[in-house]
Amino acid sequence: MIYYKEYKSPIGKLTLVSDGIYLIGLYIDGQKYFLENINEEMQKNDDLIIFKNTEDWLDKYFKGLKPDIKDLKLKPQGSDFRVMVWHILESIPYGEVITYGEIAKKVAKIMDKDKMFSQAIGGAVSHNPISIIVPCHRVVGANNELVGYAGGIDIKKKLLDFEKNTK
């Protein structure tokens, strides 16, 4: 069984999704690929520990603190390639950005390849099922252009501006 809970945030309604132990999804209302990897029936459950921990994490985040991603049990579902890219996203510090090209170089090195195309990275980043916590909003285009965010460029800008003011 897959469980969900809704969380009201300063950027709108978020849907938290869990397998009962791990957080497997955090979706911004109306985002592209909403619940894309969820193939089972979902049941509302407001009492899961992972949801309580995620709400505490989000409360801290939206108060301008820097909660540690390691405080949460995350298990994003996707191909090995996508999961590798999402793990790279987890290492992007608050208030900083990285380009798709920079991630492509990191992935190429991990995979022992000469190069990796930024478009492949963009596909993986855009399908990140755990928005905000796995910070795909911190990925920008060449010349630091704000491009490609499944939650919408306006939300991406809000999150980046918000993080500039974190403590």
Protein backbone atom coordinates (compact mmCIF):
# COMPACT_ATOMS: atom_id res chain seq x y z
CA MET A 1 0.00 0.00 0.00
CA ILE A 2 1.11 3.54 -0.74
CA TYR A 3 0.14 6.36 1.61
CA TYR A 4 -0.16 10.10 1.17
CA LYS A 5 -0.61 13.19 3.23
CA GLU A 6 -1.06 16.81 2.21
CA TYR A 7 1.07 19.61 3.60
CA LYS A 8 0.25 23.31 3.27
CA SER A 9 3.39 25.27 2.46
CA PRO A 10 4.21 28.88 1.56
CA ILE A 11 4.45 27.79 -2.10
CA GLY A 12 1.15 25.88 -2.12
CA LYS A 13 -0.12 22.42 -1.35
CA LEU A 14 2.46 19.62 -1.27
CA THR A 15 1.59 15.93 -1.44
CA LEU A 16 3.83 13.64 0.60
CA VAL A 17 3.92 9.99 -0.51
CA SER A 18 5.30 7.00 1.40
CA ASP A 19 5.52 3.23 1.23
CA GLY A 20 4.93 3.24 5.00
CA ILE A 21 8.60 3.59 5.95
CA TYR A 22 10.32 5.76 3.34
CA LEU A 23 9.35 9.02 1.68
CA ILE A 24 9.04 8.10 -2.00
CA GLY A 25 7.45 11.31 -3.25
CA LEU A 26 6.95 14.97 -2.50
CA TYR A 27 4.96 16.72 -5.19
CA ILE A 28 4.07 20.37 -5.66
CA ASP A 29 0.41 20.80 -6.54
CA GLY A 30 0.07 20.97 -10.33
CA GLN A 31 3.65 20.00 -11.15
CA LYS A 32 4.54 17.98 -14.24
CA TYR A 33 4.87 14.25 -13.64
CA PHE A 34 2.64 14.47 -10.54
CA LEU A 35 2.60 10.99 -8.93
CA GLU A 36 4.28 9.58 -12.06
CA ASN A 37 6.04 6.67 -10.35
CA ILE A 38 3.08 5.68 -8.17
CA ASN A 39 1.44 2.59 -9.64
CA GLU A 40 -0.44 1.37 -6.59
CA GLU A 41 -3.62 2.50 -4.92
CA MET A 42 -3.02 5.32 -2.46
CA GLN A 43 -4.61 5.73 0.94
CA LYS A 44 -4.57 8.88 3.06
CA ASN A 45 -2.68 8.46 6.32
CA ASP A 46 -1.80 11.38 8.57
CA ASP A 47 -0.08 9.28 11.24
CA LEU A 48 3.05 7.84 9.63
CA ILE A 49 6.35 8.66 11.33
CA ILE A 50 7.96 9.47 7.98
CA PHE A 51 5.26 12.08 7.36
CA LYS A 52 5.80 13.61 10.80
CA ASN A 53 9.56 13.74 10.16
CA THR A 54 9.03 15.22 6.70
CA GLU A 55 6.64 17.87 8.05
CA ASP A 56 9.21 18.80 10.72
CA TRP A 57 11.89 19.02 8.00
CA LEU A 58 9.65 21.21 5.80
CA ASP A 59 8.66 23.42 8.76
CA LYS A 60 12.36 24.09 9.44
CA TYR A 61 13.06 24.66 5.74
CA PHE A 62 10.26 27.19 5.35
CA LYS A 63 11.40 28.97 8.55
CA GLY A 64 14.70 29.65 6.82
CA LEU A 65 16.71 26.98 8.57
CA LYS A 66 18.83 24.35 6.82
CA PRO A 67 17.52 20.92 7.81
CA ASP A 68 19.76 18.02 6.86
CA ILE A 69 18.51 15.73 4.11
CA LYS A 70 20.04 12.83 6.03
CA ASP A 71 17.39 13.31 8.73
CA LEU A 72 14.82 11.72 6.42
CA LYS A 73 14.42 8.20 5.08
CA LEU A 74 14.21 8.77 1.32
CA LYS A 75 13.70 6.17 -1.38
CA PRO A 76 13.03 7.82 -4.74
CA GLN A 77 11.89 5.30 -7.33
CA GLY A 78 13.47 5.39 -10.77
CA SER A 79 16.10 3.89 -13.03
CA ASP A 80 19.65 3.46 -11.75
CA PHE A 81 20.69 6.43 -13.91
CA ARG A 82 18.01 8.71 -12.48
CA VAL A 83 18.75 7.66 -8.90
CA MET A 84 22.45 8.43 -9.49
CA VAL A 85 21.55 11.93 -10.71
CA TRP A 86 19.18 12.49 -7.78
CA HIS A 87 21.95 11.55 -5.34
CA ILE A 88 24.14 14.21 -6.94
CA LEU A 89 21.33 16.73 -6.43
CA GLU A 90 21.31 15.91 -2.71
CA SER A 91 24.83 17.30 -2.40
CA ILE A 92 24.04 20.78 -3.75
CA PRO A 93 24.37 23.19 -0.79
CA TYR A 94 21.60 25.57 0.26
CA GLY A 95 21.66 28.84 -1.65
CA GLU A 96 23.91 27.48 -4.40
CA VAL A 97 23.19 26.27 -7.91
CA ILE A 98 24.80 23.87 -10.34
CA THR A 99 24.34 23.60 -14.11
CA TYR A 100 23.08 20.61 -16.03
CA GLY A 101 26.48 20.55 -17.72
CA GLU A 102 28.31 20.34 -14.40
CA ILE A 103 26.13 17.42 -13.34
CA ALA A 104 26.76 15.78 -16.73
CA LYS A 105 30.52 15.93 -16.07
CA LYS A 106 30.06 14.34 -12.62
CA VAL A 107 27.90 11.56 -14.05
CA ALA A 108 30.36 10.91 -16.89
CA LYS A 109 33.14 10.55 -14.34
CA ILE A 110 31.10 8.15 -12.17
CA MET A 111 30.17 6.09 -15.24
CA ASP A 112 33.75 6.22 -16.59
CA LYS A 113 32.64 7.86 -19.84
CA ASP A 114 34.23 10.66 -21.82
CA LYS A 115 31.08 12.75 -21.69
CA MET A 116 27.41 12.79 -20.83
CA PHE A 117 24.81 14.94 -22.53
CA SER A 118 23.09 17.64 -20.52
CA GLN A 119 19.75 16.63 -22.06
CA ALA A 120 19.98 13.21 -20.39
CA ILE A 121 20.65 14.94 -17.08
CA GLY A 122 17.70 17.28 -17.68
CA GLY A 123 15.41 14.30 -18.17
CA ALA A 124 16.50 12.76 -14.88
CA VAL A 125 16.31 16.05 -12.97
CA SER A 126 12.83 16.86 -14.28
CA HIS A 127 11.48 13.49 -13.10
CA ASN A 128 12.78 13.88 -9.52
CA PRO A 129 9.92 12.53 -7.39
CA ILE A 130 10.99 14.23 -4.14
CA SER A 131 10.83 17.95 -4.90
CA ILE A 132 12.37 20.54 -2.57
CA ILE A 133 14.09 17.96 -0.31
CA VAL A 134 16.05 16.53 -3.25
CA PRO A 135 16.83 20.02 -4.54
CA CYS A 136 16.27 19.87 -8.30
CA HIS A 137 15.34 23.56 -8.10
CA ARG A 138 19.05 24.28 -7.57
CA VAL A 139 19.88 23.12 -11.11
CA VAL A 140 20.16 25.87 -13.71
CA GLY A 141 21.01 26.17 -17.36
CA ALA A 142 24.17 27.55 -18.89
CA ASN A 143 24.98 31.07 -17.70
CA ASN A 144 22.82 30.41 -14.60
CA GLU A 145 19.56 30.69 -16.54
CA LEU A 146 16.45 29.61 -14.65
CA VAL A 147 15.17 26.83 -16.89
CA GLY A 148 13.20 23.65 -16.56
CA TYR A 149 11.41 23.05 -13.30
CA ALA A 150 8.50 20.59 -13.09
CA GLY A 151 6.88 22.77 -10.40
CA GLY A 152 7.10 25.86 -12.63
CA ILE A 153 9.78 28.51 -13.03
CA ASP A 154 7.93 30.86 -10.66
CA ILE A 155 8.14 28.26 -7.84
CA LYS A 156 11.80 27.57 -8.69
CA LYS A 157 12.56 31.27 -8.38
CA LYS A 158 10.69 31.49 -5.05
CA LEU A 159 12.63 28.54 -3.64
CA LEU A 160 16.00 29.92 -4.77
CA ASP A 161 15.19 33.42 -3.46
CA PHE A 162 13.94 31.87 -0.21
CA GLU A 163 17.18 29.90 0.25
CA LYS A 164 19.29 33.02 -0.14
CA ASN A 165 17.81 34.08 3.19
CA THR A 166 18.44 30.84 5.09
CA LYS A 167 20.26 30.89 8.40
